[in-house]
Amino acid sequence: MSTKEWFYVTETSDVGGYQEVTLERDNHNPVIIQVENPEEYSVCKENNYQKITLAIDAQEFDKLAIAWCKKRKLHGALGGPVGREYGSPDCLDK
């Protein structure tokens, strides 16, 4: 049985993101974005081609993206100063 490491989950949202836990220092497992009751979605399956299109509320996606950047410590790669800016790991705002 595997364990999920959630980087974004709230009680009020149907959107969440996680990775399966690994024993390695760096987690290279794929990221899973889970959406319950999406506003809209489509699945296209053809011979050797598959595509999933999913609508996520823009503000909810912002929160998911910021949570991912905090988990991966990408704040320095986003073009801003490294410190207490919104989205950095040391920022106390959620």
N, C-alpha and C. Protein backbone atom coordinates (compact mmCIF):
# COMPACT_ATOMS: atom_id res chain seq x y z
N MET A 1 0.84 -1.17 0.00
CA MET A 1 0.00 0.00 0.00
C MET A 1 0.89 1.24 0.00
N SER A 2 0.54 2.22 -0.80
CA SER A 2 1.36 3.42 -0.89
C SER A 2 0.76 4.54 -0.03
N THR A 3 1.59 5.52 0.27
CA THR A 3 1.18 6.66 1.08
C THR A 3 1.23 7.92 0.24
N LYS A 4 0.20 8.73 0.36
CA LYS A 4 0.13 9.98 -0.39
C LYS A 4 0.70 11.11 0.46
N GLU A 5 1.54 11.92 -0.15
CA GLU A 5 2.07 13.12 0.48
C GLU A 5 1.35 14.31 -0.15
N TRP A 6 0.31 14.79 0.52
CA TRP A 6 -0.50 15.89 0.00
C TRP A 6 0.26 17.20 0.16
N PHE A 7 0.41 17.96 -0.91
CA PHE A 7 1.00 19.29 -0.81
C PHE A 7 -0.08 20.36 -0.86
N TYR A 8 -1.29 19.98 -1.28
CA TYR A 8 -2.41 20.92 -1.26
C TYR A 8 -3.70 20.14 -1.03
N VAL A 9 -4.37 20.44 0.05
CA VAL A 9 -5.68 19.86 0.35
C VAL A 9 -6.35 20.78 1.36
N THR A 10 -7.63 21.06 1.14
CA THR A 10 -8.40 21.86 2.09
C THR A 10 -9.75 21.19 2.32
N GLU A 11 -10.41 21.58 3.39
CA GLU A 11 -11.74 21.04 3.67
C GLU A 11 -12.81 21.68 2.80
N THR A 12 -12.53 22.86 2.26
CA THR A 12 -13.54 23.60 1.51
C THR A 12 -13.38 23.50 0.00
N SER A 13 -12.39 22.79 -0.48
CA SER A 13 -12.13 22.72 -1.92
C SER A 13 -12.24 21.29 -2.42
N ASP A 14 -12.61 21.16 -3.68
CA ASP A 14 -12.65 19.85 -4.33
C ASP A 14 -11.37 19.59 -5.12
N VAL A 15 -10.38 20.47 -4.97
CA VAL A 15 -9.11 20.34 -5.69
C VAL A 15 -8.02 19.97 -4.69
N GLY A 16 -7.16 19.05 -5.08
CA GLY A 16 -6.04 18.66 -4.23
C GLY A 16 -4.88 18.18 -5.07
N GLY A 17 -3.70 18.16 -4.49
CA GLY A 17 -2.52 17.68 -5.19
C GLY A 17 -1.63 16.88 -4.26
N TYR A 18 -1.06 15.79 -4.79
CA TYR A 18 -0.19 14.94 -3.97
C TYR A 18 0.81 14.19 -4.82
N GLN A 19 1.79 13.59 -4.14
CA GLN A 19 2.74 12.65 -4.72
C GLN A 19 2.74 11.41 -3.84
N GLU A 20 3.00 10.27 -4.44
CA GLU A 20 3.22 9.06 -3.65
C GLU A 20 4.55 9.23 -2.92
N VAL A 21 4.61 8.82 -1.67
CA VAL A 21 5.81 8.95 -0.85
C VAL A 21 6.89 8.00 -1.37
N THR A 22 8.13 8.47 -1.30
CA THR A 22 9.27 7.66 -1.68
C THR A 22 10.28 7.68 -0.54
N LEU A 23 11.13 6.69 -0.49
CA LEU A 23 12.18 6.65 0.53
C LEU A 23 13.43 7.40 0.08
N GLU A 24 13.45 7.83 -1.16
CA GLU A 24 14.58 8.57 -1.71
C GLU A 24 14.57 10.01 -1.19
N ARG A 25 15.72 10.66 -1.26
CA ARG A 25 15.82 12.05 -0.80
C ARG A 25 14.94 12.96 -1.66
N ASP A 26 15.04 12.82 -2.98
CA ASP A 26 14.21 13.60 -3.90
C ASP A 26 13.08 12.72 -4.41
N ASN A 27 11.87 13.24 -4.37
CA ASN A 27 10.71 12.48 -4.83
C ASN A 27 10.51 12.76 -6.32
N HIS A 28 10.74 11.76 -7.14
CA HIS A 28 10.57 11.89 -8.59
C HIS A 28 9.28 11.25 -9.07
N ASN A 29 8.42 10.86 -8.15
CA ASN A 29 7.13 10.30 -8.54
C ASN A 29 6.28 11.37 -9.21
N PRO A 30 5.37 10.97 -10.09
CA PRO A 30 4.51 11.95 -10.75
C PRO A 30 3.62 12.68 -9.74
N VAL A 31 3.25 13.88 -10.06
CA VAL A 31 2.32 14.66 -9.25
C VAL A 31 0.90 14.30 -9.70
N ILE A 32 0.03 14.10 -8.74
CA ILE A 32 -1.37 13.80 -9.04
C ILE A 32 -2.20 15.00 -8.62
N ILE A 33 -3.00 15.52 -9.54
CA ILE A 33 -3.97 16.57 -9.23
C ILE A 33 -5.33 15.90 -9.23
N GLN A 34 -6.00 15.98 -8.10
CA GLN A 34 -7.30 15.34 -7.93
C GLN A 34 -8.37 16.41 -7.87
N VAL A 35 -9.40 16.29 -8.71
CA VAL A 35 -10.50 17.25 -8.74
C VAL A 35 -11.81 16.48 -8.64
N GLU A 36 -12.57 16.78 -7.62
CA GLU A 36 -13.90 16.18 -7.47
C GLU A 36 -14.93 17.14 -8.05
N ASN A 37 -15.86 16.63 -8.80
CA ASN A 37 -16.93 17.42 -9.40
C ASN A 37 -16.38 18.63 -10.17
N PRO A 38 -15.53 18.42 -11.18
CA PRO A 38 -14.97 19.55 -11.93
C PRO A 38 -16.07 20.33 -12.66
N GLU A 39 -15.80 21.62 -12.87
CA GLU A 39 -16.76 22.47 -13.58
C GLU A 39 -17.02 21.93 -14.98
N GLU A 40 -15.96 21.50 -15.64
CA GLU A 40 -16.09 20.84 -16.94
C GLU A 40 -14.85 20.01 -17.20
N TYR A 41 -15.00 18.98 -17.99
CA TYR A 41 -13.86 18.15 -18.35
C TYR A 41 -14.20 17.40 -19.63
N SER A 42 -13.17 16.96 -20.33
CA SER A 42 -13.37 16.11 -21.50
C SER A 42 -12.22 15.11 -21.58
N VAL A 43 -12.53 13.95 -22.11
CA VAL A 43 -11.54 12.90 -22.31
C VAL A 43 -11.59 12.51 -23.78
N CYS A 44 -10.44 12.54 -24.43
CA CYS A 44 -10.33 12.16 -25.83
C CYS A 44 -9.42 10.95 -25.93
N LYS A 45 -9.95 9.87 -26.48
CA LYS A 45 -9.14 8.66 -26.68
C LYS A 45 -9.22 8.28 -28.15
N GLU A 46 -8.08 8.29 -28.80
CA GLU A 46 -7.99 7.84 -30.18
C GLU A 46 -6.89 6.79 -30.24
N ASN A 47 -6.59 6.27 -31.39
CA ASN A 47 -5.66 5.15 -31.54
C ASN A 47 -4.47 5.22 -30.60
N ASN A 48 -3.54 6.10 -30.83
CA ASN A 48 -2.34 6.23 -30.00
C ASN A 48 -2.29 7.60 -29.33
N TYR A 49 -3.44 8.15 -29.02
CA TYR A 49 -3.50 9.51 -28.50
C TYR A 49 -4.58 9.60 -27.42
N GLN A 50 -4.22 10.18 -26.27
CA GLN A 50 -5.18 10.44 -25.21
C GLN A 50 -4.98 11.86 -24.71
N LYS A 51 -6.09 12.52 -24.38
CA LYS A 51 -6.01 13.88 -23.85
C LYS A 51 -7.12 14.07 -22.83
N ILE A 52 -6.76 14.70 -21.71
CA ILE A 52 -7.74 15.06 -20.69
C ILE A 52 -7.71 16.58 -20.56
N THR A 53 -8.85 17.21 -20.67
CA THR A 53 -8.98 18.64 -20.48
C THR A 53 -9.86 18.86 -19.26
N LEU A 54 -9.40 19.71 -18.35
CA LEU A 54 -10.06 19.87 -17.07
C LEU A 54 -10.13 21.34 -16.70
N ALA A 55 -11.30 21.81 -16.31
CA ALA A 55 -11.46 23.19 -15.86
C ALA A 55 -11.32 23.25 -14.34
N ILE A 56 -10.43 24.13 -13.88
CA ILE A 56 -10.22 24.37 -12.45
C ILE A 56 -10.37 25.87 -12.22
N ASP A 57 -11.08 26.24 -11.17
CA ASP A 57 -11.22 27.64 -10.81
C ASP A 57 -9.84 28.30 -10.75
N ALA A 58 -9.68 29.46 -11.37
CA ALA A 58 -8.37 30.11 -11.46
C ALA A 58 -7.77 30.42 -10.09
N GLN A 59 -8.58 30.90 -9.16
CA GLN A 59 -8.06 31.21 -7.83
C GLN A 59 -7.64 29.95 -7.09
N GLU A 60 -8.38 28.86 -7.29
CA GLU A 60 -8.02 27.59 -6.66
C GLU A 60 -6.72 27.06 -7.27
N PHE A 61 -6.57 27.23 -8.59
CA PHE A 61 -5.33 26.79 -9.25
C PHE A 61 -4.14 27.59 -8.75
N ASP A 62 -4.34 28.91 -8.52
CA ASP A 62 -3.26 29.73 -7.95
C ASP A 62 -2.79 29.15 -6.62
N LYS A 63 -3.72 28.78 -5.76
CA LYS A 63 -3.38 28.23 -4.45
C LYS A 63 -2.63 26.91 -4.60
N LEU A 64 -3.09 26.07 -5.53
CA LEU A 64 -2.43 24.79 -5.78
C LEU A 64 -1.01 25.02 -6.28
N ALA A 65 -0.84 25.97 -7.21
CA ALA A 65 0.48 26.26 -7.77
C ALA A 65 1.43 26.82 -6.70
N ILE A 66 0.93 27.70 -5.86
CA ILE A 66 1.76 28.26 -4.79
C ILE A 66 2.18 27.17 -3.81
N ALA A 67 1.25 26.28 -3.48
CA ALA A 67 1.58 25.17 -2.57
C ALA A 67 2.66 24.29 -3.19
N TRP A 68 2.59 24.04 -4.49
CA TRP A 68 3.60 23.22 -5.18
C TRP A 68 4.96 23.93 -5.15
N CYS A 69 4.96 25.23 -5.42
CA CYS A 69 6.22 25.99 -5.41
C CYS A 69 6.85 25.99 -4.02
N LYS A 70 6.03 26.08 -2.97
CA LYS A 70 6.55 26.01 -1.61
C LYS A 70 7.16 24.64 -1.33
N LYS A 71 6.45 23.59 -1.72
CA LYS A 71 6.94 22.23 -1.47
C LYS A 71 8.27 22.00 -2.16
N ARG A 72 8.41 22.48 -3.38
CA ARG A 72 9.62 22.26 -4.17
C ARG A 72 10.68 23.34 -3.94
N LYS A 73 10.36 24.33 -3.08
CA LYS A 73 11.28 25.43 -2.78
C LYS A 73 11.73 26.15 -4.05
N LEU A 74 10.75 26.51 -4.89
CA LEU A 74 11.01 27.16 -6.17
C LEU A 74 10.90 28.67 -6.12
N HIS A 75 10.72 29.24 -4.94
CA HIS A 75 10.51 30.68 -4.82
C HIS A 75 11.63 31.50 -5.45
N GLY A 76 12.86 31.06 -5.39
CA GLY A 76 13.97 31.80 -6.00
C GLY A 76 13.95 31.76 -7.51
N ALA A 77 13.30 30.75 -8.09
CA ALA A 77 13.24 30.61 -9.54
C ALA A 77 12.08 31.40 -10.15
N LEU A 78 11.29 32.06 -9.32
CA LEU A 78 10.11 32.76 -9.82
C LEU A 78 10.37 34.23 -10.13
N GLY A 79 11.60 34.67 -10.04
CA GLY A 79 11.94 36.02 -10.44
C GLY A 79 11.86 37.05 -9.33
N GLY A 80 11.53 36.67 -8.13
CA GLY A 80 11.43 37.62 -7.04
C GLY A 80 12.55 37.42 -6.05
N PRO A 81 12.59 38.27 -5.03
CA PRO A 81 13.61 38.10 -4.00
C PRO A 81 13.35 36.84 -3.19
N VAL A 82 14.37 36.30 -2.62
CA VAL A 82 14.23 35.13 -1.76
C VAL A 82 14.09 35.65 -0.34
N GLY A 83 12.96 35.42 0.25
CA GLY A 83 12.70 35.92 1.60
C GLY A 83 11.28 35.64 1.99
N ARG A 84 10.62 36.63 2.57
CA ARG A 84 9.29 36.41 3.09
C ARG A 84 8.20 36.81 2.10
N GLU A 85 8.49 36.78 0.81
CA GLU A 85 7.46 37.11 -0.18
C GLU A 85 6.39 36.02 -0.19
N TYR A 86 5.21 36.36 -0.66
CA TYR A 86 4.10 35.40 -0.70
C TYR A 86 4.48 34.22 -1.58
N GLY A 87 4.32 33.04 -1.05
CA GLY A 87 4.67 31.84 -1.79
C GLY A 87 5.98 31.22 -1.37
N SER A 88 6.81 31.95 -0.64
CA SER A 88 8.09 31.37 -0.21
C SER A 88 7.86 30.44 0.98
N PRO A 89 8.74 29.48 1.19
CA PRO A 89 8.55 28.53 2.29
C PRO A 89 8.49 29.18 3.66
N ASP A 90 9.14 30.34 3.83
CA ASP A 90 9.16 30.96 5.15
C ASP A 90 8.01 31.96 5.36
N CYS A 91 7.15 32.12 4.35
CA CYS A 91 6.00 33.01 4.49
C CYS A 91 4.95 32.32 5.35
N LEU A 92 4.40 33.01 6.32
CA LEU A 92 3.44 32.41 7.24
C LEU A 92 2.02 32.40 6.68
N ASP A 93 1.75 33.19 5.62
CA ASP A 93 0.41 33.22 5.02
C ASP A 93 0.14 31.92 4.29
N LYS A 94 -1.09 31.45 4.36
CA LYS A 94 -1.46 30.21 3.64
C LYS A 94 -2.35 30.53 2.49
